[in-house]
């Protein structure tokens, strides 16, 4: 299939009409007040690069429409025959939009490496008719601790309660380990740098230290009192006063400036962990500057380098025999999304140049 080659979309037959059947019991999913994304994910989203990377991918995947097709052998190759969509392909969860459902499935794959959808109703054939997204942070699998998920779990607990029939849970397993696991060290470094920047943002003056030049030597407690009084006074007034025996000395190398440079480099590291081209999240790149590109090329790179593994995971899982009949498949209309803005030029936000002698922060 060519990347920009449109397929034949004429439907030659569609699925037989079936009646909806009652789904499994879902009483354990009614307590929405207990739903949570988890502290680790919430903390990761406070990092601007992670948040931007996730939003870019979620906005793409959540906006894609599904296509329904079967395969027919022509004697030389398989031809894809497009079919009318089943109702759940338009709206998997009747209570929320398709965008919400797939964006949250992707988010769980992105952060945790797996996602879950509970079957809320079935057709008379036994195949799913509707779904409900289950936050992965609230799902535990006693027989698999992770972070590498080897196969669908045989025991699933949601919010501390065991789901009686795991066949009612569609399990999406990402080919990439979740960012919370494979990017744990990079996230930790970025978090500490952000905390340092937050501290320096509250300073009313340049960072420095007080040095006693004469008089009776002050002990540690007295020096601490002087420093605290100096800091408190500078928070309230722009002018400070010192006697002949104590002077204020600036740090020769500003810690705030050092942290700022380290944060620029760490934003590039987080883009790498998220598998996002750095220029899409305005992360600094060595020797780079203002870049002109077009929407088509940007969307294509976002798809190839970031979204494709997750898109394949979702559409292949929904094409499995526990969701669709044999020889029925679904796929996201990626080509339509990329071709939508064909040849519309945009100017990408300029990125900060990193000096060639910039080393890796400790």
Protein backbone atom coordinates (compact mmCIF):
# COMPACT_ATOMS: atom_id res chain seq x y z
CA UNK A 1 0.00 0.00 0.00
CA UNK A 2 1.52 3.33 -1.02
CA UNK A 3 1.61 6.00 1.60
CA UNK A 4 -0.31 8.47 -0.54
CA UNK A 5 -2.16 5.93 -2.69
CA UNK A 6 -5.92 6.07 -2.01
CA UNK A 7 -7.70 2.75 -1.86
CA UNK A 8 -10.92 1.68 -3.49
CA UNK A 9 -13.62 2.56 -1.00
CA UNK A 10 -16.64 1.09 -2.69
CA UNK A 11 -18.38 -1.39 -0.37
CA UNK A 12 -19.42 -4.62 -2.02
CA UNK A 13 -21.05 -6.22 1.01
CA UNK A 14 -21.61 -5.34 4.64
CA UNK A 15 -22.06 -7.16 7.89
CA UNK A 16 -25.34 -8.87 8.60
CA UNK A 17 -27.68 -7.05 10.97
CA UNK A 18 -27.59 -8.48 14.47
CA UNK A 19 -29.31 -7.67 17.73
CA UNK A 20 -27.54 -6.28 20.74
CA UNK A 21 -27.11 -8.63 23.66
CA UNK A 22 -26.58 -7.81 27.31
CA UNK A 23 -22.99 -7.22 28.29
CA UNK A 24 -21.15 -8.38 31.38
CA UNK A 25 -21.80 -6.91 34.80
CA UNK A 26 -20.08 -3.55 35.23
CA UNK A 27 -21.08 -2.57 38.76
CA UNK A 28 -17.40 -2.26 39.73
CA UNK A 29 -16.97 0.56 37.17
CA UNK A 30 -19.69 2.87 38.49
CA UNK A 31 -17.61 4.67 41.13
CA UNK A 32 -16.19 7.42 38.93
CA UNK A 33 -15.03 9.39 41.98
CA UNK A 34 -12.35 6.73 42.48
CA UNK A 35 -10.99 7.05 38.93
CA UNK A 36 -7.44 8.38 38.71
CA UNK A 37 -4.60 8.65 36.20
CA UNK A 38 -2.05 7.94 38.91
CA UNK A 39 0.57 10.20 40.50
CA UNK A 40 3.33 9.11 38.12
CA UNK A 41 1.37 10.08 35.01
CA UNK A 42 0.18 13.36 36.49
CA UNK A 43 3.75 14.26 37.44
CA UNK A 44 5.05 13.33 33.98
CA UNK A 45 2.43 15.58 32.35
CA UNK A 46 3.81 18.55 34.29
CA UNK A 47 6.87 18.35 32.04
CA UNK A 48 6.15 20.61 29.03
CA UNK A 49 7.94 18.38 26.51
CA UNK A 50 6.10 15.25 27.66
CA UNK A 51 2.77 17.06 27.68
CA UNK A 52 3.36 18.49 24.20
CA UNK A 53 4.48 15.12 22.81
CA UNK A 54 1.47 13.34 24.24
CA UNK A 55 -0.93 16.03 23.00
CA UNK A 56 0.49 15.95 19.46
CA UNK A 57 0.07 12.19 19.19
CA UNK A 58 -3.31 12.13 20.93
CA UNK A 59 -4.67 14.88 18.68
CA UNK A 60 -3.66 12.85 15.63
CA UNK A 61 -4.89 9.43 16.77
CA UNK A 62 -8.08 10.76 18.32
CA UNK A 63 -9.06 12.55 15.10
CA UNK A 64 -8.59 9.55 12.79
CA UNK A 65 -11.64 7.79 11.42
CA UNK A 66 -11.87 4.01 11.15
CA UNK A 67 -12.32 2.09 7.90
CA UNK A 68 -13.84 -1.38 7.78
CA UNK A 69 -12.76 -3.91 5.15
CA UNK A 70 -12.29 -7.55 4.22
CA UNK A 71 -9.63 -9.19 2.04
CA UNK A 72 -10.24 -10.97 -1.25
CA UNK A 73 -7.61 -12.98 -3.15
CA UNK A 74 -7.35 -11.96 -6.80
CA UNK A 75 -4.95 -14.73 -7.81
CA UNK A 76 -1.91 -12.49 -7.45
CA UNK A 77 -2.49 -10.46 -4.31
CA UNK A 78 -5.08 -9.61 -1.68
CA UNK A 79 -7.51 -6.83 -2.53
CA UNK A 80 -9.13 -4.85 0.26
CA UNK A 81 -12.90 -4.58 -0.07
CA UNK A 82 -14.33 -1.76 2.02
CA UNK A 83 -17.52 -2.34 4.02
CA UNK A 84 -20.04 -0.19 5.88
CA UNK A 85 -19.00 0.61 9.43
CA UNK A 86 -20.46 -1.15 12.43
CA UNK A 87 -22.02 1.27 14.97
CA UNK A 88 -19.15 0.88 17.45
CA UNK A 89 -16.66 1.88 14.77
CA UNK A 90 -18.29 5.30 14.67
CA UNK A 91 -18.67 5.57 18.45
CA UNK A 92 -17.09 2.82 20.56
CA UNK A 93 -18.56 4.18 23.79
CA UNK A 94 -22.12 5.57 23.42
CA UNK A 95 -21.50 7.97 26.31
CA UNK A 96 -18.39 9.74 24.95
CA UNK A 97 -16.97 10.79 21.61
CA UNK A 98 -14.73 8.62 19.47
CA UNK A 99 -11.99 11.22 19.96
CA UNK A 100 -12.15 10.83 23.75
CA UNK A 101 -12.12 7.04 23.60
CA UNK A 102 -9.14 6.59 21.28
CA UNK A 103 -7.14 9.49 22.75
CA UNK A 104 -7.30 7.91 26.19
CA UNK A 105 -6.48 4.46 24.84
CA UNK A 106 -3.40 5.95 23.22
CA UNK A 107 -2.46 7.85 26.39
CA UNK A 108 -2.40 4.62 28.38
CA UNK A 109 -0.30 2.93 25.70
CA UNK A 110 2.05 5.92 25.70
CA UNK A 111 2.58 6.04 29.46
CA UNK A 112 1.95 2.45 30.62
CA UNK A 113 2.59 0.31 27.53
CA UNK A 114 -0.90 -1.18 27.59
CA UNK A 115 -4.55 -0.11 27.55
CA UNK A 116 -7.90 -1.67 28.40
CA UNK A 117 -11.44 -1.42 27.05
CA UNK A 118 -14.34 -3.15 28.81
CA UNK A 119 -17.08 -4.69 26.65
CA UNK A 120 -20.34 -3.14 27.87
CA UNK A 121 -22.66 -4.90 25.37
CA UNK A 122 -22.49 -7.62 22.75
CA UNK A 123 -24.29 -8.60 19.59
CA UNK A 124 -26.27 -11.82 19.49
CA UNK A 125 -23.21 -13.37 17.81
CA UNK A 126 -21.26 -12.76 21.00
CA UNK A 127 -18.99 -10.13 19.46
CA UNK A 128 -18.61 -6.72 21.16
CA UNK A 129 -21.11 -3.98 20.35
CA UNK A 130 -19.82 -1.22 22.64
CA UNK A 131 -16.89 -0.50 24.93
CA UNK A 132 -15.79 1.58 27.88
CA UNK A 133 -12.25 2.81 28.47
CA UNK A 134 -10.62 1.64 31.72
CA UNK A 135 -7.71 3.77 33.00
CA UNK A 136 -4.58 1.60 32.95
CA UNK A 137 -3.33 3.17 36.18
CA UNK A 138 -6.24 1.52 38.00
CA UNK A 139 -5.67 -1.92 36.47
CA UNK A 140 -3.42 -4.51 38.10
CA UNK A 141 -2.52 -7.95 36.78
CA UNK A 142 -1.24 -10.24 39.56
CA UNK A 143 0.27 -12.71 37.10
CA UNK A 144 2.27 -9.99 35.27
CA UNK A 145 4.04 -7.15 37.06
CA UNK A 146 5.55 -5.42 34.02
CA UNK A 147 7.00 -3.19 32.70
CA UNK A 148 7.27 -5.66 29.81
CA UNK A 149 3.88 -7.17 28.97
CA UNK A 150 4.38 -10.58 27.39
CA UNK A 151 0.76 -11.46 26.58
CA UNK A 152 -2.80 -10.55 27.59
CA UNK A 153 -3.26 -10.99 31.33
CA UNK A 154 -5.29 -13.93 32.58
CA UNK A 155 -6.19 -12.22 35.86
CA UNK A 156 -7.32 -8.59 35.81
CA UNK A 157 -8.17 -6.43 38.79
CA UNK A 158 -9.73 -2.99 38.41
CA UNK A 159 -9.71 -0.63 41.36
CA UNK A 160 -8.85 -3.57 43.62
CA UNK A 161 -11.70 -5.83 42.42
CA UNK A 162 -11.16 -8.86 40.21
CA UNK A 163 -13.03 -8.84 36.90
CA UNK A 164 -14.85 -12.16 36.75
CA UNK A 165 -14.49 -12.75 33.01
CA UNK A 166 -11.34 -11.43 31.34
CA UNK A 167 -12.97 -12.04 27.94
CA UNK A 168 -14.97 -8.89 28.64
CA UNK A 169 -11.75 -6.84 28.64
CA UNK A 170 -10.01 -6.04 25.35
CA UNK A 171 -6.29 -5.70 26.12
CA UNK A 172 -4.08 -3.49 23.93
CA UNK A 173 -0.36 -4.28 24.28
CA UNK A 174 2.04 -1.66 22.96
CA UNK A 175 5.21 -2.75 21.12
CA UNK A 176 6.99 0.03 23.06
CA UNK A 177 7.47 0.06 26.81
CA UNK A 178 5.53 2.78 28.56
CA UNK A 179 7.26 6.15 28.94
CA UNK A 180 6.87 5.95 32.73
CA UNK A 181 9.19 2.91 32.65
CA UNK A 182 11.66 3.44 29.82
CA UNK A 183 11.89 7.16 30.52
CA UNK A 184 12.00 6.96 34.33
CA UNK A 185 15.54 8.33 34.67
CA UNK A 186 15.04 11.10 32.11
CA UNK A 187 11.78 12.08 33.83
CA UNK A 188 13.51 12.15 37.21
CA UNK A 189 16.26 14.45 35.90
CA UNK A 190 13.72 16.73 34.21
CA UNK A 191 11.63 16.89 37.38
CA UNK A 192 14.60 17.89 39.53
CA UNK A 193 15.65 20.54 37.02
CA UNK A 194 12.10 21.94 36.97
CA UNK A 195 12.07 22.06 40.77
CA UNK A 196 15.39 23.93 40.74
CA UNK A 197 14.02 26.40 38.20
CA UNK A 198 10.96 26.88 40.38
CA UNK A 199 13.19 27.78 43.34
CA UNK A 200 15.25 30.26 41.34
CA UNK A 201 12.08 31.86 39.98
CA UNK A 202 11.25 33.07 43.50
CA UNK A 203 14.57 34.92 43.92
CA UNK A 204 14.33 38.71 43.83
CA UNK A 205 18.06 39.10 43.18
CA UNK A 206 20.90 37.25 41.55
CA UNK A 207 22.07 34.12 43.43
CA UNK A 208 25.05 34.59 45.71
CA UNK A 209 26.35 34.27 49.24
CA UNK A 210 27.17 36.43 52.28
CA UNK A 211 30.82 36.52 53.38
CA UNK A 212 32.15 37.86 56.67
CA UNK A 213 35.15 40.11 56.12
CA UNK A 214 35.97 41.13 59.69
CA UNK A 215 34.86 41.42 63.29
CA UNK A 216 34.14 38.58 65.68
CA UNK A 217 33.72 35.29 63.84
CA UNK A 218 30.07 34.23 63.66
CA UNK A 219 29.13 30.62 64.31
CA UNK A 220 26.93 28.52 61.98
CA UNK A 221 23.70 29.47 63.74
CA UNK A 222 24.45 33.19 63.63
CA UNK A 223 25.42 32.99 59.96
CA UNK A 224 22.15 31.22 59.20
CA UNK A 225 20.20 33.96 60.97
CA UNK A 226 21.99 36.67 59.01
CA UNK A 227 21.38 34.87 55.71
CA UNK A 228 17.71 34.33 56.52
CA UNK A 229 17.24 37.98 57.48
CA UNK A 230 18.98 39.10 54.27
CA UNK A 231 16.81 36.82 52.14
CA UNK A 232 13.61 37.95 53.85
CA UNK A 233 14.52 41.62 53.48
CA UNK A 234 15.25 41.22 49.77
CA UNK A 235 11.84 39.61 49.23
CA UNK A 236 10.17 42.73 50.60
CA UNK A 237 12.51 45.45 49.34
CA UNK A 238 14.71 45.91 46.30
CA UNK A 239 17.43 47.56 48.40
CA UNK A 240 19.48 45.71 51.02
CA UNK A 241 21.87 47.03 53.69
CA UNK A 242 25.03 45.40 55.09
CA UNK A 243 27.71 46.59 57.54
CA UNK A 244 31.47 46.77 57.01
CA UNK A 245 32.01 43.21 58.18
CA UNK A 246 29.68 41.34 55.79
CA UNK A 247 29.53 41.58 52.00
CA UNK A 248 27.31 40.01 49.38
CA UNK A 249 29.12 38.08 46.65
CA UNK A 250 27.55 36.85 43.43
CA UNK A 251 28.25 33.34 42.21
CA UNK A 252 30.74 33.51 39.36
CA UNK A 253 28.64 31.02 37.44
CA UNK A 254 24.92 31.60 37.92
CA UNK A 255 23.17 28.40 39.08
CA UNK A 256 19.95 29.67 37.52
CA UNK A 257 21.63 30.04 34.12
CA UNK A 258 23.22 26.60 34.44
CA UNK A 259 19.86 25.02 35.23
CA UNK A 260 18.30 26.84 32.27
CA UNK A 261 20.89 25.33 29.90
CA UNK A 262 20.42 21.89 31.41
CA UNK A 263 16.65 22.15 31.02
CA UNK A 264 17.09 22.95 27.32
CA UNK A 265 19.16 19.81 26.84
CA UNK A 266 16.76 17.73 28.91
CA UNK A 267 13.83 18.80 26.73
CA UNK A 268 15.69 17.22 23.81
CA UNK A 269 16.17 14.05 25.85
CA UNK A 270 12.45 13.88 26.63
CA UNK A 271 11.61 14.28 22.94
CA UNK A 272 13.86 11.31 22.23
CA UNK A 273 12.18 9.21 24.92
CA UNK A 274 8.77 10.10 23.48
CA UNK A 275 9.94 9.25 19.92
CA UNK A 276 8.91 12.70 18.69
CA UNK A 277 11.01 14.73 16.21
CA UNK A 278 12.58 17.45 18.34
CA UNK A 279 11.47 20.34 16.14
CA UNK A 280 7.81 19.40 16.63
CA UNK A 281 8.12 20.16 20.35
CA UNK A 282 10.56 23.08 19.86
CA UNK A 283 13.34 21.18 21.63
CA UNK A 284 16.82 22.65 21.03
CA UNK A 285 18.97 20.85 18.48
CA UNK A 286 22.66 21.32 17.81
CA UNK A 287 23.24 23.50 14.77
CA UNK A 288 19.53 23.93 14.04
CA UNK A 289 17.70 27.16 13.46
CA UNK A 290 14.51 28.45 11.86
CA UNK A 291 12.99 25.68 9.76
CA UNK A 292 10.43 25.91 6.98
CA UNK A 293 8.34 22.90 6.22
CA UNK A 294 4.76 22.07 5.30
CA UNK A 295 1.89 20.48 7.17
CA UNK A 296 1.98 17.35 5.04
CA UNK A 297 5.63 16.65 5.87
CA UNK A 298 5.14 17.42 9.57
CA UNK A 299 2.13 15.12 9.83
CA UNK A 300 3.97 12.41 7.97
CA UNK A 301 6.93 12.54 10.36
CA UNK A 302 4.63 12.62 13.37
CA UNK A 303 2.97 9.48 12.04
CA UNK A 304 6.11 7.58 11.03
CA UNK A 305 8.27 8.34 14.07
CA UNK A 306 5.69 8.66 16.82
CA UNK A 307 2.14 7.52 16.15
CA UNK A 308 2.49 4.48 13.87
CA UNK A 309 3.33 1.85 16.54
CA UNK A 310 0.32 2.90 18.62
CA UNK A 311 -2.00 3.09 15.60
CA UNK A 312 -0.98 -0.41 14.51
CA UNK A 313 -1.49 -1.71 18.04
CA UNK A 314 -5.03 -0.35 18.28
CA UNK A 315 -6.23 -1.34 14.83
CA UNK A 316 -4.71 -4.83 14.96
CA UNK A 317 -6.23 -5.46 18.39
CA UNK A 318 -9.66 -4.35 17.15
CA UNK A 319 -9.26 -6.62 14.11
CA UNK A 320 -8.70 -9.74 16.23
CA UNK A 321 -11.18 -12.62 16.29
CA UNK A 322 -12.52 -11.65 19.72
CA UNK A 323 -13.76 -8.35 18.27
CA UNK A 324 -14.59 -8.96 14.57
CA UNK A 325 -15.61 -12.00 12.52
CA UNK A 326 -12.99 -13.82 10.48
CA UNK A 327 -11.68 -11.86 7.47
CA UNK A 328 -12.96 -8.55 8.86
CA UNK A 329 -10.51 -5.80 9.72
CA UNK A 330 -10.41 -2.15 10.74
CA UNK A 331 -7.77 0.47 10.08
CA UNK A 332 -7.35 4.17 10.76
CA UNK A 333 -7.62 6.47 7.76
CA UNK A 334 -4.10 7.88 8.10
CA UNK A 335 -3.76 8.77 4.42
CA UNK A 336 -6.86 10.93 4.52
CA UNK A 337 -5.51 12.78 7.56
CA UNK A 338 -2.14 13.50 5.96
CA UNK A 339 -3.53 14.45 2.55
CA UNK A 340 -6.06 16.80 4.16
CA UNK A 341 -3.55 19.66 4.43
CA UNK A 342 -1.58 18.90 1.29
CA UNK A 343 0.89 21.60 0.24
CA UNK A 344 -0.07 24.10 2.93
CA UNK A 345 3.20 25.69 4.02
CA UNK A 346 3.75 26.68 7.63
CA UNK A 347 6.72 28.10 9.50
CA UNK A 348 7.85 25.91 12.38
CA UNK A 349 8.63 27.68 15.65
CA UNK A 350 12.35 28.51 15.85
CA UNK A 351 14.35 26.28 18.16
CA UNK A 352 17.19 27.30 20.43
CA UNK A 353 20.67 26.54 19.15
CA UNK A 354 22.84 24.48 21.47
CA UNK A 355 26.55 25.35 21.46
CA UNK A 356 28.68 22.55 20.02
CA UNK A 357 30.73 22.33 23.22
CA UNK A 358 27.66 21.84 25.39
CA UNK A 359 28.23 18.74 27.50
CA UNK A 360 25.75 16.35 29.02
CA UNK A 361 24.53 17.64 32.42
CA UNK A 362 25.59 15.62 35.40
